Amino acid sequence: MAVPHGPAGVGEARHRMREELRNSGVPDPVIDDAVLILSELLSNAYRHGRPLSRENGTRAGQGSGGVLAAWRVDDRGRLTVEVTDGGGPTRPFPATPSVTARGGRGLNIISALSQSWGVRDCAGEVTVWAALSARAGFATRVELDATLDPALDPELDPELRFADLDELA
């Protein structure tokens, strides 16, 4: 899927991924992890990478001068998420940000959620990929007891309540 080089396409890509994976029967906890991985990869692409050149960005009708996002589940049940951009001044690597840093945790998050990740370089483009199991056994979701739902707690500051980021995008 072609995505604009910038934050505008991240929400659209997340929505499309969630819908396609759900229709493919991938469990919700896995989808949640994959969507977070996609968000981090796309954010890194527009912060640190260049848009694809018109030549690379238009291959197979994928748009022009943006970023490419892709995901697939193979025969072994392995879900691979990848984002391709025009490369940047440095090769992607996990940072060690300070506790107060506002960023720099993206590849560490990807590393924690995936079974493996890596970088592929090609002429004029860089692809960062992450792979995880598409089966529910790897990802776990903690279900909240309805009696402990923070949204129903009248004493909880409304600013501390969680919202679904996909609904806000």
Protein backbone atom coordinates (compact mmCIF):
# COMPACT_ATOMS: atom_id res chain seq x y z
CA MET A 1 0.00 0.00 0.00
CA ALA A 2 1.33 3.44 -0.88
CA VAL A 3 1.38 5.85 2.06
CA PRO A 4 2.17 9.58 1.94
CA HIS A 5 5.58 10.50 3.35
CA GLY A 6 4.32 12.06 6.58
CA PRO A 7 1.87 11.40 9.39
CA ALA A 8 -1.27 11.67 7.24
CA GLY A 9 -1.24 8.08 5.96
CA VAL A 10 -0.45 6.30 9.23
CA GLY A 11 -4.06 6.13 10.42
CA GLU A 12 -5.32 4.94 7.04
CA ALA A 13 -2.67 2.20 6.91
CA ARG A 14 -3.52 1.06 10.46
CA HIS A 15 -7.24 0.89 9.67
CA ARG A 16 -6.63 -1.08 6.47
CA MET A 17 -4.22 -3.49 8.17
CA ARG A 18 -6.62 -4.09 11.07
CA GLU A 19 -9.50 -4.79 8.70
CA GLU A 20 -7.53 -7.10 6.39
CA LEU A 21 -5.96 -9.10 9.24
CA ARG A 22 -9.31 -9.43 11.04
CA ASN A 23 -10.92 -10.67 7.80
CA SER A 24 -8.07 -13.19 7.49
CA GLY A 25 -8.86 -14.62 10.93
CA VAL A 26 -5.80 -13.27 12.75
CA PRO A 27 -6.54 -13.00 16.51
CA ASP A 28 -7.12 -9.51 17.94
CA PRO A 29 -4.07 -9.53 20.28
CA VAL A 30 -1.81 -10.28 17.30
CA ILE A 31 -3.52 -7.57 15.25
CA ASP A 32 -2.97 -5.06 18.07
CA ASP A 33 0.76 -5.85 18.12
CA ALA A 34 1.02 -5.73 14.31
CA VAL A 35 -0.77 -2.38 14.13
CA LEU A 36 1.59 -0.91 16.73
CA ILE A 37 4.59 -2.26 14.79
CA LEU A 38 3.24 -0.72 11.57
CA SER A 39 2.71 2.62 13.31
CA GLU A 40 6.28 2.64 14.61
CA LEU A 41 7.76 1.64 11.24
CA LEU A 42 5.79 4.32 9.37
CA SER A 43 6.64 6.96 11.97
CA ASN A 44 10.34 6.11 11.67
CA ALA A 45 10.09 6.23 7.86
CA TYR A 46 8.76 9.77 7.76
CA ARG A 47 10.99 11.03 10.60
CA HIS A 48 14.27 9.51 9.47
CA GLY A 49 13.86 8.39 5.86
CA ARG A 50 13.32 10.11 2.56
CA PRO A 51 10.32 9.47 0.35
CA LEU A 52 10.81 6.90 -2.37
CA SER A 53 11.94 8.32 -5.68
CA ARG A 54 9.26 8.60 -8.32
CA GLU A 55 10.81 5.63 -10.11
CA ASN A 56 10.70 3.36 -7.04
CA GLY A 57 7.47 4.81 -5.63
CA THR A 58 5.54 4.09 -8.79
CA ARG A 59 6.54 0.46 -9.24
CA ALA A 60 3.47 -1.73 -9.69
CA GLY A 61 1.23 1.34 -9.47
CA GLN A 62 2.09 2.11 -5.86
CA GLY A 63 1.86 5.91 -6.01
CA SER A 64 4.65 8.45 -6.24
CA GLY A 65 7.22 9.78 -3.85
CA GLY A 66 5.76 8.24 -0.69
CA VAL A 67 6.42 5.19 1.44
CA LEU A 68 5.30 1.61 0.88
CA ALA A 69 3.69 -0.44 3.67
CA ALA A 70 3.01 -4.16 3.35
CA TRP A 71 1.96 -7.09 5.52
CA ARG A 72 1.35 -10.75 4.86
CA VAL A 73 0.79 -14.03 6.66
CA ASP A 74 2.77 -16.93 5.20
CA ASP A 75 1.97 -20.66 5.15
CA ARG A 76 3.74 -21.18 8.50
CA GLY A 77 1.57 -18.62 10.30
CA ARG A 78 4.24 -15.93 10.37
CA LEU A 79 2.99 -12.35 10.00
CA THR A 80 5.52 -10.02 8.39
CA VAL A 81 5.08 -6.24 8.44
CA GLU A 82 7.39 -4.06 6.36
CA VAL A 83 7.81 -0.43 5.40
CA THR A 84 9.98 0.77 2.52
CA ASP A 85 11.25 4.34 2.19
CA GLY A 86 13.99 6.13 0.27
CA GLY A 87 16.59 5.63 3.01
CA GLY A 88 18.14 8.14 5.34
CA PRO A 89 21.49 9.39 6.56
CA THR A 90 21.98 6.41 8.89
CA ARG A 91 20.97 2.76 9.00
CA PRO A 92 18.04 2.04 11.36
CA PHE A 93 19.18 0.80 14.79
CA PRO A 94 17.63 0.68 18.29
CA ALA A 95 18.48 3.76 20.34
CA THR A 96 19.04 4.04 24.08
CA PRO A 97 17.04 7.15 24.94
CA SER A 98 17.10 8.76 28.35
CA VAL A 99 14.12 8.31 30.63
CA THR A 100 12.92 11.82 29.82
CA ALA A 101 13.46 11.62 26.04
CA ARG A 102 10.36 12.19 23.93
CA GLY A 103 11.29 9.62 21.30
CA GLY A 104 13.81 7.00 20.30
CA ARG A 105 11.95 3.92 21.51
CA GLY A 106 10.35 2.76 18.26
CA LEU A 107 12.75 -0.02 17.29
CA ASN A 108 12.92 -1.17 20.91
CA ILE A 109 9.13 -1.49 20.90
CA ILE A 110 9.29 -3.39 17.62
CA SER A 111 11.99 -5.66 19.03
CA ALA A 112 9.86 -6.41 22.10
CA LEU A 113 6.70 -7.19 20.11
CA SER A 114 8.21 -9.17 17.25
CA GLN A 115 10.05 -12.46 17.06
CA SER A 116 12.59 -10.91 14.69
CA TRP A 117 13.16 -7.74 12.71
CA GLY A 118 15.70 -6.44 10.25
CA VAL A 119 16.70 -4.06 7.50
CA ARG A 120 17.05 -4.73 3.76
CA ASP A 121 18.92 -2.24 1.59
CA CYS A 122 18.34 -1.96 -2.12
CA ALA A 123 19.28 0.72 -4.66
CA GLY A 124 17.47 3.90 -3.56
CA GLU A 125 15.35 2.27 -0.87
CA VAL A 126 15.47 0.76 2.60
CA THR A 127 12.95 -1.75 3.96
CA VAL A 128 12.56 -2.31 7.69
CA TRP A 129 10.58 -5.45 8.51
CA ALA A 130 9.31 -7.23 11.60
CA ALA A 131 7.90 -10.74 11.91
CA LEU A 132 5.65 -12.21 14.56
CA SER A 133 3.45 -15.24 14.95
CA ALA A 134 -0.05 -14.79 13.56
CA ARG A 135 -1.30 -17.24 16.16
CA ALA A 136 -2.75 -16.09 19.46
CA GLY A 137 -0.18 -18.00 21.52
CA PHE A 138 2.51 -15.35 21.08
CA ALA A 139 0.52 -12.19 21.77
CA THR A 140 -1.52 -11.88 24.91
CA ARG A 141 -4.28 -9.51 25.87
CA VAL A 142 -5.42 -8.89 29.40
CA GLU A 143 -9.17 -8.51 29.50
CA LEU A 144 -10.47 -6.01 32.01
CA ASP A 145 -13.10 -7.16 34.47
CA ALA A 146 -16.24 -5.11 33.78
CA THR A 147 -16.39 -4.13 37.44
CA LEU A 148 -12.89 -2.65 37.14
CA ASP A 149 -13.48 -0.64 33.98
CA PRO A 150 -11.73 2.72 34.51
CA ALA A 151 -14.13 4.42 32.11
CA LEU A 152 -16.93 3.73 34.59
CA ASP A 153 -14.99 5.05 37.59
CA PRO A 154 -16.48 8.49 38.43
CA GLU A 155 -13.40 9.40 40.48
CA LEU A 156 -10.95 8.88 37.61
CA ASP A 157 -9.73 12.08 35.98
CA PRO A 158 -11.17 12.08 32.41
CA GLU A 159 -7.75 13.01 31.01
CA LEU A 160 -6.36 9.72 32.35
CA ARG A 161 -8.90 7.55 30.56
CA PHE A 162 -7.73 5.68 27.49
CA ALA A 163 -9.15 6.15 24.04
CA ASP A 164 -8.77 4.00 20.98
CA LEU A 165 -6.21 5.88 18.88
CA ASP A 166 -7.69 4.46 15.68
CA GLU A 167 -11.01 6.10 16.52
CA LEU A 168 -9.28 9.46 17.04
CA ALA A 169 -7.33 9.32 13.76
